[in-house]
Amino acid sequence: MKMRQILPELNLSSFLEFSKMNEAEQVQLLREKGIVIDEERENDQLTRLYYVNGFFVEETLRDNKTIEILPFRRGYKIDSYLEVKEVLASKFSY
């Protein structure tokens, strides 16, 4: 089963509420209710992709401090993420 087929529909009201929160509130919600889908470390920077309340959030950290939070709906960002993961999975499946 492809990952695209299991993605839920966007919860627009939650997305808009999250976008209106300040950074501390966003970080707290991510820690309490977010599901970490992926993590990537590059040099001194860590990027986490979360699923939370019907949408996706990318958090970038440096020295364990949040430097950017980017909520997004289904679209180019999640599609490109899924495409990369599908390619990697097909190359490295056993």
C-alpha atoms as a PDB file:
ATOM      1  CA  MET A   1       0.000   0.000   0.000  1.00  0.00           C
ATOM      2  CA  LYS A   2       1.386   3.386  -0.947  1.00  0.00           C
ATOM      3  CA  MET A   3       1.804   6.026   1.760  1.00  0.00           C
ATOM      4  CA  ARG A   4      -0.329   8.519  -0.170  1.00  0.00           C
ATOM      5  CA  GLN A   5      -3.359   6.268   0.227  1.00  0.00           C
ATOM      6  CA  ILE A   6      -3.222   6.308   4.030  1.00  0.00           C
ATOM      7  CA  LEU A   7      -2.845  10.069   4.531  1.00  0.00           C
ATOM      8  CA  PRO A   8      -5.878  11.596   6.238  1.00  0.00           C
ATOM      9  CA  GLU A   9      -7.700  14.659   5.038  1.00  0.00           C
ATOM     10  CA  LEU A  10      -6.532  18.039   6.264  1.00  0.00           C
ATOM     11  CA  ASN A  11      -8.144  19.345   9.444  1.00  0.00           C
ATOM     12  CA  LEU A  12      -8.288  22.987   8.350  1.00  0.00           C
ATOM     13  CA  SER A  13      -9.577  24.416  11.630  1.00  0.00           C
ATOM     14  CA  SER A  14      -6.711  22.796  13.588  1.00  0.00           C
ATOM     15  CA  PHE A  15      -4.232  24.019  10.980  1.00  0.00           C
ATOM     16  CA  LEU A  16      -5.484  27.605  11.293  1.00  0.00           C
ATOM     17  CA  GLU A  17      -5.519  27.439  15.110  1.00  0.00           C
ATOM     18  CA  PHE A  18      -1.935  26.132  15.126  1.00  0.00           C
ATOM     19  CA  SER A  19      -0.819  28.887  12.744  1.00  0.00           C
ATOM     20  CA  LYS A  20      -2.175  31.530  15.135  1.00  0.00           C
ATOM     21  CA  MET A  21      -0.307  30.146  18.179  1.00  0.00           C
ATOM     22  CA  ASN A  22       2.948  31.663  19.368  1.00  0.00           C
ATOM     23  CA  GLU A  23       6.102  29.569  19.034  1.00  0.00           C
ATOM     24  CA  ALA A  24       6.098  28.321  22.646  1.00  0.00           C
ATOM     25  CA  GLU A  25       2.518  27.063  22.287  1.00  0.00           C
ATOM     26  CA  GLN A  26       3.340  25.400  18.968  1.00  0.00           C
ATOM     27  CA  VAL A  27       6.364  23.608  20.449  1.00  0.00           C
ATOM     28  CA  GLN A  28       4.316  22.434  23.425  1.00  0.00           C
ATOM     29  CA  LEU A  29       1.597  21.036  21.150  1.00  0.00           C
ATOM     30  CA  LEU A  30       4.179  19.255  19.001  1.00  0.00           C
ATOM     31  CA  ARG A  31       5.780  17.638  22.064  1.00  0.00           C
ATOM     32  CA  GLU A  32       2.444  16.598  23.582  1.00  0.00           C
ATOM     33  CA  LYS A  33       0.386  15.546  20.551  1.00  0.00           C
ATOM     34  CA  GLY A  34       2.681  15.469  17.539  1.00  0.00           C
ATOM     35  CA  ILE A  35       3.709  12.212  15.919  1.00  0.00           C
ATOM     36  CA  VAL A  36       7.271  12.291  14.624  1.00  0.00           C
ATOM     37  CA  ILE A  37       7.253  10.929  11.089  1.00  0.00           C
ATOM     38  CA  ASP A  38      10.879  11.568  10.240  1.00  0.00           C
ATOM     39  CA  GLU A  39      14.076  13.201  11.486  1.00  0.00           C
ATOM     40  CA  GLU A  40      17.097  14.365   9.551  1.00  0.00           C
ATOM     41  CA  ARG A  41      20.334  15.698  10.965  1.00  0.00           C
ATOM     42  CA  GLU A  42      22.615  17.843   8.867  1.00  0.00           C
ATOM     43  CA  ASN A  43      25.684  19.320  10.530  1.00  0.00           C
ATOM     44  CA  ASP A  44      24.437  21.075  13.681  1.00  0.00           C
ATOM     45  CA  GLN A  45      20.804  21.233  12.555  1.00  0.00           C
ATOM     46  CA  LEU A  46      17.985  18.748  13.225  1.00  0.00           C
ATOM     47  CA  THR A  47      14.764  18.775  11.199  1.00  0.00           C
ATOM     48  CA  ARG A  48      11.705  16.859  12.361  1.00  0.00           C
ATOM     49  CA  LEU A  49       8.554  16.197  10.401  1.00  0.00           C
ATOM     50  CA  TYR A  50       5.425  15.839  12.560  1.00  0.00           C
ATOM     51  CA  TYR A  51       1.850  14.855  11.933  1.00  0.00           C
ATOM     52  CA  VAL A  52      -0.485  16.632  14.350  1.00  0.00           C
ATOM     53  CA  ASN A  53      -4.257  17.123  14.373  1.00  0.00           C
ATOM     54  CA  GLY A  54      -4.720  16.482  10.645  1.00  0.00           C
ATOM     55  CA  PHE A  55      -1.788  18.427   9.175  1.00  0.00           C
ATOM     56  CA  PHE A  56       2.017  18.379   9.023  1.00  0.00           C
ATOM     57  CA  VAL A  57       4.647  20.504  10.747  1.00  0.00           C
ATOM     58  CA  GLU A  58       8.345  20.774  10.054  1.00  0.00           C
ATOM     59  CA  GLU A  59      10.436  21.887  13.021  1.00  0.00           C
ATOM     60  CA  THR A  60      14.070  22.889  12.658  1.00  0.00           C
ATOM     61  CA  LEU A  61      16.307  22.876  15.725  1.00  0.00           C
ATOM     62  CA  ARG A  62      19.865  24.000  16.347  1.00  0.00           C
ATOM     63  CA  ASP A  63      21.556  23.271  19.682  1.00  0.00           C
ATOM     64  CA  ASN A  64      18.224  21.837  20.913  1.00  0.00           C
ATOM     65  CA  LYS A  65      16.506  25.189  20.334  1.00  0.00           C
ATOM     66  CA  THR A  66      13.694  25.620  17.840  1.00  0.00           C
ATOM     67  CA  ILE A  67      14.720  28.019  15.086  1.00  0.00           C
ATOM     68  CA  GLU A  68      11.796  27.476  12.701  1.00  0.00           C
ATOM     69  CA  ILE A  69       8.340  25.923  12.708  1.00  0.00           C
ATOM     70  CA  LEU A  70       6.584  25.472   9.393  1.00  0.00           C
ATOM     71  CA  PRO A  71       3.049  24.054   9.346  1.00  0.00           C
ATOM     72  CA  PHE A  72       1.795  22.895   5.975  1.00  0.00           C
ATOM     73  CA  ARG A  73      -1.107  21.149   4.370  1.00  0.00           C
ATOM     74  CA  ARG A  74      -0.920  18.420   1.824  1.00  0.00           C
ATOM     75  CA  GLY A  75       0.893  19.817  -1.129  1.00  0.00           C
ATOM     76  CA  TYR A  76       4.300  20.041  -2.665  1.00  0.00           C
ATOM     77  CA  LYS A  77       6.174  19.654   0.603  1.00  0.00           C
ATOM     78  CA  ILE A  78       4.534  16.436   1.785  1.00  0.00           C
ATOM     79  CA  ASP A  79       4.321  15.101  -1.765  1.00  0.00           C
ATOM     80  CA  SER A  80       8.052  15.608  -2.333  1.00  0.00           C
ATOM     81  CA  TYR A  81       8.791  14.057   1.059  1.00  0.00           C
ATOM     82  CA  LEU A  82       6.703  10.996   0.204  1.00  0.00           C
ATOM     83  CA  GLU A  83       8.287  10.658  -3.233  1.00  0.00           C
ATOM     84  CA  VAL A  84      11.789  10.600  -1.735  1.00  0.00           C
ATOM     85  CA  LYS A  85      10.760   8.056   0.905  1.00  0.00           C
ATOM     86  CA  GLU A  86       9.073   5.832  -1.698  1.00  0.00           C
ATOM     87  CA  VAL A  87      12.175   5.877  -3.898  1.00  0.00           C
ATOM     88  CA  LEU A  88      14.427   5.034  -0.949  1.00  0.00           C
ATOM     89  CA  ALA A  89      12.089   2.281   0.200  1.00  0.00           C
ATOM     90  CA  SER A  90      12.053   0.689  -3.261  1.00  0.00           C
ATOM     91  CA  LYS A  91      15.848   0.814  -3.526  1.00  0.00           C
ATOM     92  CA  PHE A  92      16.500  -0.608  -0.102  1.00  0.00           C
ATOM     93  CA  SER A  93      13.642  -3.049   0.390  1.00  0.00           C
ATOM     94  CA  TYR A  94      14.733  -6.546   1.258  1.00  0.00           C
END
